[in-house]
Protein backbone atom coordinates (compact mmCIF):
# COMPACT_ATOMS: atom_id res chain seq x y z
CA UNK A 1 0.00 0.00 0.00
CA UNK A 2 1.31 3.44 -0.94
CA UNK A 3 1.98 6.11 1.66
CA UNK A 4 -0.63 8.85 1.94
CA UNK A 5 2.14 11.24 0.91
CA UNK A 6 2.97 9.42 -2.33
CA UNK A 7 1.79 10.76 -5.65
CA UNK A 8 2.94 7.80 -7.65
CA UNK A 9 -0.41 6.52 -8.89
CA UNK A 10 0.06 6.05 -12.67
CA UNK A 11 -2.52 8.64 -13.78
CA UNK A 12 -1.28 11.25 -11.30
CA UNK A 13 2.30 10.55 -12.24
CA UNK A 14 1.59 11.02 -15.96
CA UNK A 15 -0.26 14.27 -15.27
CA UNK A 16 2.58 15.44 -13.04
CA UNK A 17 5.25 14.60 -15.59
CA UNK A 18 3.38 16.48 -18.33
CA UNK A 19 3.06 19.54 -16.06
CA UNK A 20 6.73 19.29 -15.09
CA UNK A 21 7.80 19.32 -18.73
CA UNK A 22 5.60 22.40 -19.30
CA UNK A 23 7.07 24.13 -16.23
CA UNK A 24 10.67 23.30 -17.09
CA UNK A 25 10.34 25.10 -20.45
CA UNK A 26 10.01 28.41 -18.59
CA UNK A 27 13.09 30.64 -18.56
CA UNK A 28 13.55 33.98 -16.78
CA UNK A 29 16.96 35.57 -17.27
CA UNK A 30 16.28 38.65 -15.08
CA UNK A 31 16.29 36.34 -12.04
CA UNK A 32 19.49 34.63 -13.19
CA UNK A 33 21.16 38.01 -13.65
CA UNK A 34 19.97 39.20 -10.22
CA UNK A 35 21.47 36.18 -8.45
CA UNK A 36 24.78 36.68 -10.28
CA UNK A 37 24.93 40.45 -9.75
CA UNK A 38 23.57 40.68 -6.20
CA UNK A 39 24.89 37.47 -4.62
CA UNK A 40 27.90 36.61 -6.77
CA UNK A 41 26.53 33.22 -7.80
CA UNK A 42 28.16 31.61 -10.83
CA UNK A 43 25.95 31.49 -13.90
CA UNK A 44 25.98 27.71 -14.27
CA UNK A 45 25.12 27.08 -10.60
CA UNK A 46 22.41 29.76 -10.77
CA UNK A 47 20.77 28.18 -13.78
CA UNK A 48 20.90 24.75 -12.11
CA UNK A 49 19.32 26.17 -8.95
CA UNK A 50 16.62 27.88 -11.03
CA UNK A 51 15.80 24.51 -12.60
CA UNK A 52 15.61 22.93 -9.13
CA UNK A 53 13.39 25.75 -7.88
CA UNK A 54 10.97 25.07 -10.74
CA UNK A 55 10.98 21.38 -9.83
CA UNK A 56 10.31 22.21 -6.18
CA UNK A 57 7.43 24.57 -7.04
CA UNK A 58 5.92 22.03 -9.42
CA UNK A 59 6.12 19.38 -6.71
CA UNK A 60 4.53 21.75 -4.18
CA UNK A 61 1.73 22.65 -6.58
CA UNK A 62 1.03 19.06 -7.52
CA UNK A 63 1.07 17.50 -4.06
CA UNK A 64 -0.41 20.27 -1.94
CA UNK A 65 1.73 18.80 0.88
CA UNK A 66 3.65 20.90 3.42
CA UNK A 67 7.00 20.85 1.67
CA UNK A 68 10.13 22.72 2.71
CA UNK A 69 12.60 24.23 0.22
CA UNK A 70 16.28 23.80 0.91
CA UNK A 71 18.07 27.03 1.87
CA UNK A 72 19.53 27.38 -1.64
CA UNK A 73 16.21 26.82 -3.41
CA UNK A 74 14.52 29.11 -0.88
CA UNK A 75 16.98 31.91 -1.64
CA UNK A 76 16.33 31.88 -5.37
CA UNK A 77 12.58 31.53 -4.72
CA UNK A 78 12.65 34.64 -2.47
CA UNK A 79 14.29 36.56 -5.27
CA UNK A 80 11.84 35.27 -7.88
CA UNK A 81 8.93 36.46 -5.73
CA UNK A 82 10.37 40.00 -5.89
CA UNK A 83 9.51 39.99 -9.60
CA UNK A 84 5.87 40.01 -8.50
CA UNK A 85 4.14 40.16 -11.86
CA UNK A 86 6.43 37.59 -13.46
CA UNK A 87 6.18 35.24 -10.46
CA UNK A 88 2.40 35.51 -10.41
CA UNK A 89 2.17 34.84 -14.15
CA UNK A 90 4.53 31.86 -13.83
CA UNK A 91 2.45 30.36 -11.04
CA UNK A 92 -0.89 30.85 -12.74
CA UNK A 93 0.14 29.83 -16.26
CA UNK A 94 2.67 27.10 -15.49
CA UNK A 95 1.56 25.69 -12.13
CA UNK A 96 -2.17 26.32 -12.40
CA UNK A 97 -2.32 28.22 -9.12
CA UNK A 98 -0.40 30.75 -7.08
CA UNK A 99 2.17 29.20 -4.73
CA UNK A 100 2.40 31.29 -1.59
CA UNK A 101 5.58 31.41 0.41
CA UNK A 102 4.65 31.22 4.07
CA UNK A 103 7.48 30.87 6.55
CA UNK A 104 6.76 29.37 9.94
CA UNK A 105 5.61 31.83 12.55
CA UNK A 106 6.56 31.84 16.19
CA UNK A 107 3.00 31.06 17.26
CA UNK A 108 2.40 28.25 14.73
CA UNK A 109 1.40 24.90 16.13
CA UNK A 110 4.23 22.37 15.94
CA UNK A 111 4.08 20.37 12.75
CA UNK A 112 3.13 16.72 12.95
CA UNK A 113 5.85 15.32 10.78
CA UNK A 114 9.17 15.66 9.10
CA UNK A 115 8.46 18.02 6.22
CA UNK A 116 12.10 18.12 5.15
CA UNK A 117 12.15 14.33 4.91
CA UNK A 118 8.87 14.34 2.98
CA UNK A 119 10.21 16.96 0.58
CA UNK A 120 13.38 14.99 -0.12
CA UNK A 121 11.55 11.67 -0.44
CA UNK A 122 9.02 13.04 -2.95
CA UNK A 123 11.72 14.89 -4.89
CA UNK A 124 13.82 11.73 -5.15
CA UNK A 125 10.76 9.74 -6.20
CA UNK A 126 10.14 12.03 -9.15
CA UNK A 127 13.54 13.44 -10.05
CA UNK A 128 15.89 10.64 -9.03
CA UNK A 129 19.29 11.80 -7.83
CA UNK A 130 19.09 15.36 -6.55
CA UNK A 131 21.68 18.09 -7.00
CA UNK A 132 23.42 19.80 -4.09
CA UNK A 133 20.75 22.52 -4.29
CA UNK A 134 18.44 20.18 -2.36
CA UNK A 135 20.86 19.83 0.58
CA UNK A 136 19.97 21.06 4.05
CA UNK A 137 23.41 21.92 5.51
CA UNK A 138 23.85 20.93 9.12
CA UNK A 139 20.76 18.75 9.26
CA UNK A 140 21.00 15.17 10.38
CA UNK A 141 17.71 13.43 9.69
CA UNK A 142 16.69 10.16 11.24
CA UNK A 143 14.39 7.81 9.35
CA UNK A 144 11.59 8.08 11.93
CA UNK A 145 12.01 11.79 12.69
CA UNK A 146 8.95 13.61 14.05
CA UNK A 147 10.53 17.04 14.41
CA UNK A 148 8.99 20.20 13.05
CA UNK A 149 9.91 21.55 9.61
CA UNK A 150 13.62 21.86 10.39
CA UNK A 151 14.78 18.53 11.68
CA UNK A 152 16.70 18.66 14.96
CA UNK A 153 17.47 14.96 15.35
CA UNK A 154 20.87 14.14 16.73
C-alpha atoms as a PDB file:
ATOM      1  CA  UNK A   1       0.000   0.000   0.000  1.00  0.00           C
ATOM      2  CA  UNK A   2       1.315   3.436  -0.941  1.00  0.00           C
ATOM      3  CA  UNK A   3       1.980   6.112   1.665  1.00  0.00           C
ATOM      4  CA  UNK A   4      -0.628   8.854   1.939  1.00  0.00           C
ATOM      5  CA  UNK A   5       2.142  11.237   0.909  1.00  0.00           C
ATOM      6  CA  UNK A   6       2.974   9.421  -2.329  1.00  0.00           C
ATOM      7  CA  UNK A   7       1.791  10.761  -5.652  1.00  0.00           C
ATOM      8  CA  UNK A   8       2.943   7.800  -7.655  1.00  0.00           C
ATOM      9  CA  UNK A   9      -0.406   6.518  -8.890  1.00  0.00           C
ATOM     10  CA  UNK A  10       0.061   6.054 -12.670  1.00  0.00           C
ATOM     11  CA  UNK A  11      -2.521   8.643 -13.785  1.00  0.00           C
ATOM     12  CA  UNK A  12      -1.284  11.254 -11.304  1.00  0.00           C
ATOM     13  CA  UNK A  13       2.295  10.549 -12.240  1.00  0.00           C
ATOM     14  CA  UNK A  14       1.591  11.023 -15.957  1.00  0.00           C
ATOM     15  CA  UNK A  15      -0.260  14.274 -15.268  1.00  0.00           C
ATOM     16  CA  UNK A  16       2.577  15.443 -13.041  1.00  0.00           C
ATOM     17  CA  UNK A  17       5.254  14.598 -15.589  1.00  0.00           C
ATOM     18  CA  UNK A  18       3.378  16.484 -18.327  1.00  0.00           C
ATOM     19  CA  UNK A  19       3.065  19.540 -16.064  1.00  0.00           C
ATOM     20  CA  UNK A  20       6.734  19.286 -15.094  1.00  0.00           C
ATOM     21  CA  UNK A  21       7.802  19.318 -18.727  1.00  0.00           C
ATOM     22  CA  UNK A  22       5.600  22.400 -19.296  1.00  0.00           C
ATOM     23  CA  UNK A  23       7.073  24.131 -16.228  1.00  0.00           C
ATOM     24  CA  UNK A  24      10.670  23.304 -17.094  1.00  0.00           C
ATOM     25  CA  UNK A  25      10.339  25.099 -20.449  1.00  0.00           C
ATOM     26  CA  UNK A  26      10.010  28.410 -18.588  1.00  0.00           C
ATOM     27  CA  UNK A  27      13.091  30.643 -18.555  1.00  0.00           C
ATOM     28  CA  UNK A  28      13.553  33.979 -16.781  1.00  0.00           C
ATOM     29  CA  UNK A  29      16.956  35.572 -17.270  1.00  0.00           C
ATOM     30  CA  UNK A  30      16.282  38.646 -15.079  1.00  0.00           C
ATOM     31  CA  UNK A  31      16.295  36.342 -12.044  1.00  0.00           C
ATOM     32  CA  UNK A  32      19.485  34.628 -13.187  1.00  0.00           C
ATOM     33  CA  UNK A  33      21.161  38.011 -13.647  1.00  0.00           C
ATOM     34  CA  UNK A  34      19.965  39.201 -10.217  1.00  0.00           C
ATOM     35  CA  UNK A  35      21.474  36.183  -8.452  1.00  0.00           C
ATOM     36  CA  UNK A  36      24.779  36.675 -10.277  1.00  0.00           C
ATOM     37  CA  UNK A  37      24.931  40.448  -9.751  1.00  0.00           C
ATOM     38  CA  UNK A  38      23.573  40.678  -6.202  1.00  0.00           C
ATOM     39  CA  UNK A  39      24.891  37.472  -4.621  1.00  0.00           C
ATOM     40  CA  UNK A  40      27.903  36.613  -6.775  1.00  0.00           C
ATOM     41  CA  UNK A  41      26.534  33.225  -7.801  1.00  0.00           C
ATOM     42  CA  UNK A  42      28.163  31.612 -10.826  1.00  0.00           C
ATOM     43  CA  UNK A  43      25.948  31.490 -13.901  1.00  0.00           C
ATOM     44  CA  UNK A  44      25.978  27.707 -14.271  1.00  0.00           C
ATOM     45  CA  UNK A  45      25.115  27.079 -10.602  1.00  0.00           C
ATOM     46  CA  UNK A  46      22.414  29.761 -10.773  1.00  0.00           C
ATOM     47  CA  UNK A  47      20.768  28.177 -13.782  1.00  0.00           C
ATOM     48  CA  UNK A  48      20.897  24.753 -12.111  1.00  0.00           C
ATOM     49  CA  UNK A  49      19.317  26.168  -8.953  1.00  0.00           C
ATOM     50  CA  UNK A  50      16.618  27.882 -11.034  1.00  0.00           C
ATOM     51  CA  UNK A  51      15.804  24.511 -12.599  1.00  0.00           C
ATOM     52  CA  UNK A  52      15.609  22.927  -9.128  1.00  0.00           C
ATOM     53  CA  UNK A  53      13.389  25.755  -7.879  1.00  0.00           C
ATOM     54  CA  UNK A  54      10.968  25.072 -10.737  1.00  0.00           C
ATOM     55  CA  UNK A  55      10.981  21.376  -9.828  1.00  0.00           C
ATOM     56  CA  UNK A  56      10.307  22.214  -6.181  1.00  0.00           C
ATOM     57  CA  UNK A  57       7.431  24.573  -7.037  1.00  0.00           C
ATOM     58  CA  UNK A  58       5.917  22.028  -9.416  1.00  0.00           C
ATOM     59  CA  UNK A  59       6.117  19.376  -6.708  1.00  0.00           C
ATOM     60  CA  UNK A  60       4.533  21.748  -4.179  1.00  0.00           C
ATOM     61  CA  UNK A  61       1.732  22.652  -6.582  1.00  0.00           C
ATOM     62  CA  UNK A  62       1.026  19.055  -7.521  1.00  0.00           C
ATOM     63  CA  UNK A  63       1.073  17.499  -4.063  1.00  0.00           C
ATOM     64  CA  UNK A  64      -0.411  20.267  -1.941  1.00  0.00           C
ATOM     65  CA  UNK A  65       1.732  18.800   0.880  1.00  0.00           C
ATOM     66  CA  UNK A  66       3.651  20.903   3.422  1.00  0.00           C
ATOM     67  CA  UNK A  67       7.003  20.846   1.667  1.00  0.00           C
ATOM     68  CA  UNK A  68      10.130  22.722   2.709  1.00  0.00           C
ATOM     69  CA  UNK A  69      12.596  24.234   0.222  1.00  0.00           C
ATOM     70  CA  UNK A  70      16.279  23.796   0.912  1.00  0.00           C
ATOM     71  CA  UNK A  71      18.065  27.025   1.872  1.00  0.00           C
ATOM     72  CA  UNK A  72      19.532  27.380  -1.639  1.00  0.00           C
ATOM     73  CA  UNK A  73      16.206  26.822  -3.412  1.00  0.00           C
ATOM     74  CA  UNK A  74      14.518  29.112  -0.879  1.00  0.00           C
ATOM     75  CA  UNK A  75      16.982  31.911  -1.639  1.00  0.00           C
ATOM     76  CA  UNK A  76      16.332  31.881  -5.374  1.00  0.00           C
ATOM     77  CA  UNK A  77      12.578  31.532  -4.724  1.00  0.00           C
ATOM     78  CA  UNK A  78      12.646  34.637  -2.470  1.00  0.00           C
ATOM     79  CA  UNK A  79      14.291  36.557  -5.274  1.00  0.00           C
ATOM     80  CA  UNK A  80      11.839  35.273  -7.880  1.00  0.00           C
ATOM     81  CA  UNK A  81       8.935  36.464  -5.735  1.00  0.00           C
ATOM     82  CA  UNK A  82      10.370  40.003  -5.892  1.00  0.00           C
ATOM     83  CA  UNK A  83       9.509  39.990  -9.598  1.00  0.00           C
ATOM     84  CA  UNK A  84       5.871  40.009  -8.495  1.00  0.00           C
ATOM     85  CA  UNK A  85       4.136  40.158 -11.865  1.00  0.00           C
ATOM     86  CA  UNK A  86       6.431  37.587 -13.459  1.00  0.00           C
ATOM     87  CA  UNK A  87       6.180  35.239 -10.458  1.00  0.00           C
ATOM     88  CA  UNK A  88       2.404  35.511 -10.410  1.00  0.00           C
ATOM     89  CA  UNK A  89       2.169  34.841 -14.149  1.00  0.00           C
ATOM     90  CA  UNK A  90       4.527  31.864 -13.830  1.00  0.00           C
ATOM     91  CA  UNK A  91       2.451  30.360 -11.039  1.00  0.00           C
ATOM     92  CA  UNK A  92      -0.887  30.850 -12.743  1.00  0.00           C
ATOM     93  CA  UNK A  93       0.137  29.830 -16.257  1.00  0.00           C
ATOM     94  CA  UNK A  94       2.674  27.102 -15.494  1.00  0.00           C
ATOM     95  CA  UNK A  95       1.557  25.686 -12.130  1.00  0.00           C
ATOM     96  CA  UNK A  96      -2.173  26.320 -12.400  1.00  0.00           C
ATOM     97  CA  UNK A  97      -2.318  28.221  -9.118  1.00  0.00           C
ATOM     98  CA  UNK A  98      -0.403  30.749  -7.078  1.00  0.00           C
ATOM     99  CA  UNK A  99       2.172  29.197  -4.735  1.00  0.00           C
ATOM    100  CA  UNK A 100       2.400  31.293  -1.593  1.00  0.00           C
ATOM    101  CA  UNK A 101       5.581  31.413   0.413  1.00  0.00           C
ATOM    102  CA  UNK A 102       4.654  31.224   4.067  1.00  0.00           C
ATOM    103  CA  UNK A 103       7.478  30.875   6.553  1.00  0.00           C
ATOM    104  CA  UNK A 104       6.761  29.373   9.936  1.00  0.00           C
ATOM    105  CA  UNK A 105       5.607  31.834  12.552  1.00  0.00           C
ATOM    106  CA  UNK A 106       6.564  31.841  16.186  1.00  0.00           C
ATOM    107  CA  UNK A 107       2.996  31.061  17.258  1.00  0.00           C
ATOM    108  CA  UNK A 108       2.402  28.255  14.726  1.00  0.00           C
ATOM    109  CA  UNK A 109       1.397  24.898  16.127  1.00  0.00           C
ATOM    110  CA  UNK A 110       4.231  22.369  15.938  1.00  0.00           C
ATOM    111  CA  UNK A 111       4.084  20.373  12.752  1.00  0.00           C
ATOM    112  CA  UNK A 112       3.133  16.724  12.952  1.00  0.00           C
ATOM    113  CA  UNK A 113       5.849  15.318  10.779  1.00  0.00           C
ATOM    114  CA  UNK A 114       9.171  15.657   9.098  1.00  0.00           C
ATOM    115  CA  UNK A 115       8.461  18.023   6.218  1.00  0.00           C
ATOM    116  CA  UNK A 116      12.099  18.123   5.154  1.00  0.00           C
ATOM    117  CA  UNK A 117      12.150  14.334   4.907  1.00  0.00           C
ATOM    118  CA  UNK A 118       8.873  14.339   2.985  1.00  0.00           C
ATOM    119  CA  UNK A 119      10.213  16.961   0.576  1.00  0.00           C
ATOM    120  CA  UNK A 120      13.384  14.993  -0.119  1.00  0.00           C
ATOM    121  CA  UNK A 121      11.554  11.668  -0.443  1.00  0.00           C
ATOM    122  CA  UNK A 122       9.023  13.035  -2.952  1.00  0.00           C
ATOM    123  CA  UNK A 123      11.725  14.894  -4.887  1.00  0.00           C
ATOM    124  CA  UNK A 124      13.823  11.730  -5.154  1.00  0.00           C
ATOM    125  CA  UNK A 125      10.761   9.737  -6.205  1.00  0.00           C
ATOM    126  CA  UNK A 126      10.141  12.030  -9.149  1.00  0.00           C
ATOM    127  CA  UNK A 127      13.540  13.443 -10.045  1.00  0.00           C
ATOM    128  CA  UNK A 128      15.895  10.642  -9.034  1.00  0.00           C
ATOM    129  CA  UNK A 129      19.287  11.796  -7.830  1.00  0.00           C
ATOM    130  CA  UNK A 130      19.093  15.358  -6.548  1.00  0.00           C
ATOM    131  CA  UNK A 131      21.675  18.094  -6.999  1.00  0.00           C
ATOM    132  CA  UNK A 132      23.419  19.797  -4.088  1.00  0.00           C
ATOM    133  CA  UNK A 133      20.751  22.519  -4.287  1.00  0.00           C
ATOM    134  CA  UNK A 134      18.437  20.176  -2.362  1.00  0.00           C
ATOM    135  CA  UNK A 135      20.858  19.831   0.577  1.00  0.00           C
ATOM    136  CA  UNK A 136      19.971  21.056   4.049  1.00  0.00           C
ATOM    137  CA  UNK A 137      23.408  21.921   5.507  1.00  0.00           C
ATOM    138  CA  UNK A 138      23.845  20.934   9.121  1.00  0.00           C
ATOM    139  CA  UNK A 139      20.763  18.747   9.265  1.00  0.00           C
ATOM    140  CA  UNK A 140      21.001  15.172  10.375  1.00  0.00           C
ATOM    141  CA  UNK A 141      17.713  13.430   9.686  1.00  0.00           C
ATOM    142  CA  UNK A 142      16.685  10.164  11.244  1.00  0.00           C
ATOM    143  CA  UNK A 143      14.388   7.805   9.348  1.00  0.00           C
ATOM    144  CA  UNK A 144      11.586   8.077  11.929  1.00  0.00           C
ATOM    145  CA  UNK A 145      12.011  11.787  12.687  1.00  0.00           C
ATOM    146  CA  UNK A 146       8.953  13.609  14.048  1.00  0.00           C
ATOM    147  CA  UNK A 147      10.532  17.039  14.412  1.00  0.00           C
ATOM    148  CA  UNK A 148       8.986  20.200  13.046  1.00  0.00           C
ATOM    149  CA  UNK A 149       9.913  21.552   9.613  1.00  0.00           C
ATOM    150  CA  UNK A 150      13.616  21.863  10.390  1.00  0.00           C
ATOM    151  CA  UNK A 151      14.783  18.527  11.678  1.00  0.00           C
ATOM    152  CA  UNK A 152      16.695  18.659  14.958  1.00  0.00           C
ATOM    153  CA  UNK A 153      17.465  14.964  15.348  1.00  0.00           C
ATOM    154  CA  UNK A 154      20.870  14.142  16.734  1.00  0.00           C
END
